[in-house]
Amino acid sequence: MAKNTDNASSEAASPKRRLFSRKPKADKAPKKPGRLKQLGEVFQMTRKNDPMVVWLMLLAALGIIVVGLVVGLLIKNWITTVLISLPLALLAATMILSRRAEKAAFKQLEGRPGAAGAAMSVLRRGWILKDEPVAVNPRTKDLVFMGIGRAGVVLVSEGPSTRVRALVDAERKRMGRVLPNVPIHVINAGSDEGQVPLAEVGKKMKKLPKSITKLEIGAVDKRLATLGSARLPIPKGIDPNRARPDRKSMRGR
């Protein structure tokens, strides 16, 4: 009797599948937000930090449509020119949103620990970027980040220029021991006078004169690795990875 009850309970717990019944679906991974949703989030973030973006987008779009309408009236085919100008107007508005969103994202990073490292993250191809700072002052929380590219070694410092100079000079001297013939550039990121704004750090690094080849970039990285990692720990509250802007979401991708 107990055997029968056990069989009945097991059948109730795991019902038989019919011949044409579908297999139970596995748990799906959470879907990523669509492109339109990402674009909407970017627009809301940008408008919050830059209310003028709405008027600039409308002005650009309407300007292109008006030009298309005028050209169409002149050639007596305004319907075609307006239809052509509509996607161009949308493209112009999207480009303005992308540029203003990038500025708004960097504006949000200002004053946050690790912002200088986040400013370097816009560089991708042809650069080796270190997520963690190569030099840290635990007392003042000044940081120095490093990137290696065709220009050589680029140190991006975070902190007042006069105060962080000693930290940068010590790091340059340390690297110069193993890289005597490789140029070491210094960029002081920040919003004070004489500093490079966060949004301009990547552009400034790209404009630096090329002095080494693509093959030598990897060799420089390996040589710097021989220096070891005997550095001071990163102070609490500093997480360079969290400070990085989401480039795909800024562009609505």
Protein backbone atom coordinates (compact mmCIF):
# COMPACT_ATOMS: atom_id res chain seq x y z
CA MET A 1 0.00 0.00 0.00
CA ALA A 2 2.76 2.36 0.89
CA LYS A 3 4.43 1.50 -2.38
CA ASN A 4 1.36 2.60 -4.34
CA THR A 5 1.12 5.87 -2.47
CA ASP A 6 4.80 6.52 -3.16
CA ASN A 7 4.29 5.94 -6.88
CA ALA A 8 1.25 8.19 -6.93
CA SER A 9 3.09 10.99 -5.17
CA SER A 10 6.07 10.70 -7.53
CA GLU A 11 3.77 10.85 -10.56
CA ALA A 12 2.03 13.91 -9.17
CA ALA A 13 5.35 15.60 -8.55
CA SER A 14 6.62 14.88 -12.07
CA PRO A 15 3.67 14.68 -14.49
CA LYS A 16 4.17 12.76 -17.70
CA ARG A 17 4.70 14.71 -20.89
CA ARG A 18 2.24 14.08 -23.63
CA LEU A 19 3.33 13.11 -27.09
CA PHE A 20 3.07 16.60 -28.58
CA SER A 21 3.64 18.62 -25.43
CA ARG A 22 6.45 21.19 -25.45
CA LYS A 23 9.52 20.87 -23.36
CA PRO A 24 9.63 23.20 -20.37
CA LYS A 25 11.55 26.34 -21.28
CA ALA A 26 14.77 26.98 -19.44
CA ASP A 27 15.16 30.19 -17.52
CA LYS A 28 16.09 32.85 -20.01
CA ALA A 29 18.83 35.33 -19.32
CA PRO A 30 17.57 38.86 -18.67
CA LYS A 31 17.22 40.72 -21.93
CA LYS A 32 19.43 43.68 -22.55
CA PRO A 33 17.62 46.98 -23.05
CA GLY A 34 16.82 47.67 -26.69
CA ARG A 35 18.43 50.41 -28.71
CA LEU A 36 15.45 52.72 -28.40
CA LYS A 37 15.34 52.25 -24.63
CA GLN A 38 19.08 52.96 -24.39
CA LEU A 39 18.64 56.05 -26.53
CA GLY A 40 15.83 57.21 -24.25
CA GLU A 41 18.00 56.71 -21.16
CA VAL A 42 20.83 58.65 -22.79
CA PHE A 43 18.45 61.47 -23.69
CA GLN A 44 17.07 61.69 -20.15
CA MET A 45 20.57 61.69 -18.63
CA THR A 46 21.78 64.35 -21.06
CA ARG A 47 18.73 66.58 -20.64
CA LYS A 48 19.12 66.41 -16.87
CA ASN A 49 22.70 67.73 -17.06
CA ASP A 50 22.32 69.83 -20.22
CA PRO A 51 18.78 71.24 -20.76
CA MET A 52 19.92 73.04 -23.93
CA VAL A 53 20.33 69.73 -25.76
CA VAL A 54 16.59 69.61 -26.56
CA TRP A 55 16.63 72.99 -28.30
CA LEU A 56 19.86 72.22 -30.14
CA MET A 57 18.45 68.94 -31.46
CA LEU A 58 15.21 70.64 -32.58
CA LEU A 59 17.11 73.51 -34.18
CA ALA A 60 19.36 71.16 -36.14
CA ALA A 61 16.46 68.96 -37.29
CA LEU A 62 14.18 71.84 -38.27
CA GLY A 63 17.04 73.64 -40.01
CA ILE A 64 17.68 70.66 -42.29
CA ILE A 65 13.98 70.20 -43.01
CA VAL A 66 13.56 73.89 -43.87
CA VAL A 67 16.55 73.78 -46.22
CA GLY A 68 15.10 70.71 -47.90
CA LEU A 69 11.73 72.42 -48.26
CA VAL A 70 13.29 75.54 -49.78
CA VAL A 71 15.32 73.49 -52.24
CA GLY A 72 12.22 71.50 -53.13
CA LEU A 73 10.21 74.64 -53.82
CA LEU A 74 12.97 75.93 -56.08
CA ILE A 75 13.07 72.75 -58.13
CA LYS A 76 9.28 72.28 -57.81
CA ASN A 77 9.57 68.92 -56.11
CA TRP A 78 9.31 69.71 -52.40
CA ILE A 79 7.79 66.36 -51.41
CA THR A 80 10.89 64.43 -52.47
CA THR A 81 13.33 66.84 -50.85
CA VAL A 82 11.39 66.83 -47.57
CA LEU A 83 11.35 63.03 -47.53
CA ILE A 84 15.12 63.05 -48.09
CA SER A 85 15.70 65.68 -45.40
CA LEU A 86 13.79 63.76 -42.67
CA PRO A 87 16.42 61.02 -42.10
CA LEU A 88 19.16 63.64 -42.40
CA ALA A 89 17.42 65.69 -39.71
CA LEU A 90 17.18 62.62 -37.46
CA LEU A 91 20.87 61.88 -38.04
CA ALA A 92 21.87 65.45 -37.15
CA ALA A 93 19.80 65.37 -33.94
CA THR A 94 21.35 62.02 -32.96
CA MET A 95 24.88 63.31 -33.55
CA ILE A 96 24.23 66.35 -31.37
CA LEU A 97 22.78 64.09 -28.66
CA SER A 98 25.85 61.84 -28.81
CA ARG A 99 28.29 64.72 -28.40
CA ARG A 100 26.34 66.42 -25.64
CA ALA A 101 25.84 63.06 -23.87
CA GLU A 102 29.58 62.51 -23.83
CA LYS A 103 30.15 65.91 -22.25
CA ALA A 104 27.37 65.28 -19.73
CA ALA A 105 28.87 61.91 -18.79
CA PHE A 106 32.29 63.46 -18.15
CA LYS A 107 30.64 66.26 -16.19
CA GLN A 108 29.17 63.65 -13.87
CA LEU A 109 32.65 62.20 -13.33
CA GLU A 110 34.22 65.48 -12.25
CA GLY A 111 35.40 65.34 -8.66
CA ARG A 112 34.99 61.57 -8.38
CA PRO A 113 38.02 59.44 -7.47
CA GLY A 114 39.35 57.63 -10.55
CA ALA A 115 37.91 60.15 -13.02
CA ALA A 116 41.28 60.56 -14.75
CA GLY A 117 41.41 56.84 -15.49
CA ALA A 118 37.84 56.95 -16.78
CA ALA A 119 38.79 59.80 -19.14
CA MET A 120 41.39 57.52 -20.74
CA SER A 121 38.88 54.73 -21.35
CA VAL A 122 37.61 56.41 -24.53
CA LEU A 123 40.81 55.21 -26.21
CA ARG A 124 40.62 51.69 -27.59
CA ARG A 125 42.56 50.59 -30.63
CA GLY A 126 46.31 51.02 -30.46
CA TRP A 127 46.47 51.69 -26.72
CA ILE A 128 47.23 49.60 -23.65
CA LEU A 129 45.42 51.16 -20.70
CA LYS A 130 45.89 50.18 -17.08
CA ASP A 131 42.68 50.03 -15.05
CA GLU A 132 44.40 50.57 -11.72
CA PRO A 133 46.56 53.61 -10.99
CA VAL A 134 50.32 53.12 -11.22
CA ALA A 135 50.96 55.55 -8.36
CA VAL A 136 48.83 56.52 -5.39
CA ASN A 137 49.18 58.98 -2.54
CA PRO A 138 47.02 57.43 0.20
CA ARG A 139 47.04 60.61 2.28
CA THR A 140 45.85 63.06 -0.40
CA LYS A 141 44.26 60.38 -2.67
CA ASP A 142 46.13 61.78 -5.68
CA LEU A 143 46.37 59.21 -8.48
CA VAL A 144 48.47 58.60 -11.58
CA PHE A 145 47.13 56.42 -14.41
CA MET A 146 49.10 55.08 -17.35
CA GLY A 147 48.50 54.43 -21.03
CA ILE A 148 50.93 53.02 -23.61
CA GLY A 149 50.57 53.85 -27.29
CA ARG A 150 52.39 55.06 -30.38
CA ALA A 151 53.29 58.24 -28.49
CA GLY A 152 55.12 56.22 -25.85
CA VAL A 153 54.06 56.21 -22.21
CA VAL A 154 51.42 58.69 -21.08
CA LEU A 155 50.87 59.40 -17.40
CA VAL A 156 47.53 61.02 -16.56
CA SER A 157 47.51 62.50 -13.07
CA GLU A 158 44.55 63.33 -10.88
CA GLY A 159 44.94 66.04 -8.28
CA PRO A 160 46.17 69.64 -7.99
CA SER A 161 49.11 70.24 -10.33
CA THR A 162 51.50 71.48 -7.66
CA ARG A 163 50.67 68.68 -5.24
CA VAL A 164 50.69 65.75 -7.65
CA ARG A 165 53.93 66.81 -9.36
CA ALA A 166 56.16 64.95 -6.90
CA LEU A 167 54.14 61.77 -7.40
CA VAL A 168 54.43 62.06 -11.19
CA ASP A 169 58.15 62.86 -11.12
CA ALA A 170 58.85 59.82 -8.95
CA GLU A 171 56.93 57.59 -11.36
CA ARG A 172 58.71 59.04 -14.40
CA LYS A 173 62.07 58.43 -12.76
CA ARG A 174 61.10 54.86 -11.91
CA MET A 175 59.98 54.12 -15.48
CA GLY A 176 62.94 55.91 -17.01
CA ARG A 177 65.26 53.28 -15.56
CA VAL A 178 63.86 50.60 -17.88
CA LEU A 179 62.72 52.88 -20.73
CA PRO A 180 65.64 55.25 -21.38
CA ASN A 181 64.71 55.87 -25.04
CA VAL A 182 60.91 55.95 -24.77
CA PRO A 183 59.21 59.35 -24.28
CA ILE A 184 57.08 59.67 -21.14
CA HIS A 185 54.34 62.31 -21.43
CA VAL A 186 52.37 63.79 -18.53
CA ILE A 187 48.80 65.08 -18.64
CA ASN A 188 47.26 66.64 -15.55
CA ALA A 189 43.51 66.06 -15.74
CA GLY A 190 41.08 68.31 -13.92
CA SER A 191 38.95 71.42 -14.10
CA ASP A 192 41.39 73.89 -12.54
CA GLU A 193 43.41 76.43 -14.48
CA GLY A 194 46.21 74.84 -16.49
CA GLN A 195 44.65 71.37 -16.29
CA VAL A 196 43.18 69.36 -19.16
CA PRO A 197 39.40 68.81 -18.89
CA LEU A 198 38.31 65.19 -18.61
CA ALA A 199 36.54 65.28 -21.97
CA GLU A 200 39.76 66.46 -23.67
CA VAL A 201 42.16 63.92 -22.15
CA GLY A 202 41.59 61.28 -24.83
CA LYS A 203 41.88 63.84 -27.65
CA LYS A 204 45.12 65.20 -26.24
CA MET A 205 46.60 61.72 -25.99
CA LYS A 206 45.71 61.05 -29.63
CA LYS A 207 47.44 64.27 -30.74
CA LEU A 208 50.75 63.40 -29.10
CA PRO A 209 53.51 62.78 -31.67
CA LYS A 210 54.09 59.13 -32.59
CA SER A 211 57.53 57.90 -31.58
CA ILE A 212 57.32 54.09 -31.35
CA THR A 213 55.87 51.36 -33.58
CA LYS A 214 52.88 49.12 -32.89
CA LEU A 215 55.19 46.19 -32.16
CA GLU A 216 57.17 48.25 -29.67
CA ILE A 217 54.01 49.05 -27.67
CA GLY A 218 53.82 45.46 -26.40
CA ALA A 219 57.56 45.43 -25.71
CA VAL A 220 57.26 48.58 -23.61
CA ASP A 221 54.39 47.05 -21.64
CA LYS A 222 56.43 43.91 -20.92
CA ARG A 223 59.44 45.95 -19.85
CA LEU A 224 57.34 47.99 -17.43
CA ALA A 225 55.97 44.76 -16.02
CA THR A 226 59.51 43.90 -14.87
CA LEU A 227 59.32 46.79 -12.41
CA GLY A 228 56.94 44.71 -10.34
CA SER A 229 53.82 45.83 -8.59
CA ALA A 230 55.22 47.00 -5.28
CA ARG A 231 52.77 49.86 -5.00
CA LEU A 232 50.69 51.24 -2.21
CA PRO A 233 47.14 49.90 -1.98
CA ILE A 234 44.33 51.94 -3.49
CA PRO A 235 42.57 54.01 -0.80
CA LYS A 236 39.02 53.08 0.12
CA GLY A 237 36.36 54.79 -1.97
CA ILE A 238 38.46 54.73 -5.14
CA ASP A 239 37.25 52.29 -7.79
CA PRO A 240 38.42 53.29 -11.29
CA ASN A 241 36.18 50.68 -12.92
CA ARG A 242 33.02 52.16 -11.40
CA ALA A 243 34.00 55.63 -12.56
CA ARG A 244 34.14 54.67 -16.23
CA PRO A 245 31.41 56.01 -18.51
CA ASP A 246 29.38 53.53 -20.52
CA ARG A 247 30.40 54.42 -24.09
CA LYS A 248 27.80 52.20 -25.76
CA SER A 249 24.91 53.67 -23.79
CA MET A 250 26.14 57.21 -24.46
CA ARG A 251 25.82 56.53 -28.16
CA GLY A 252 22.56 54.65 -27.89
CA ARG A 253 24.06 51.31 -28.97
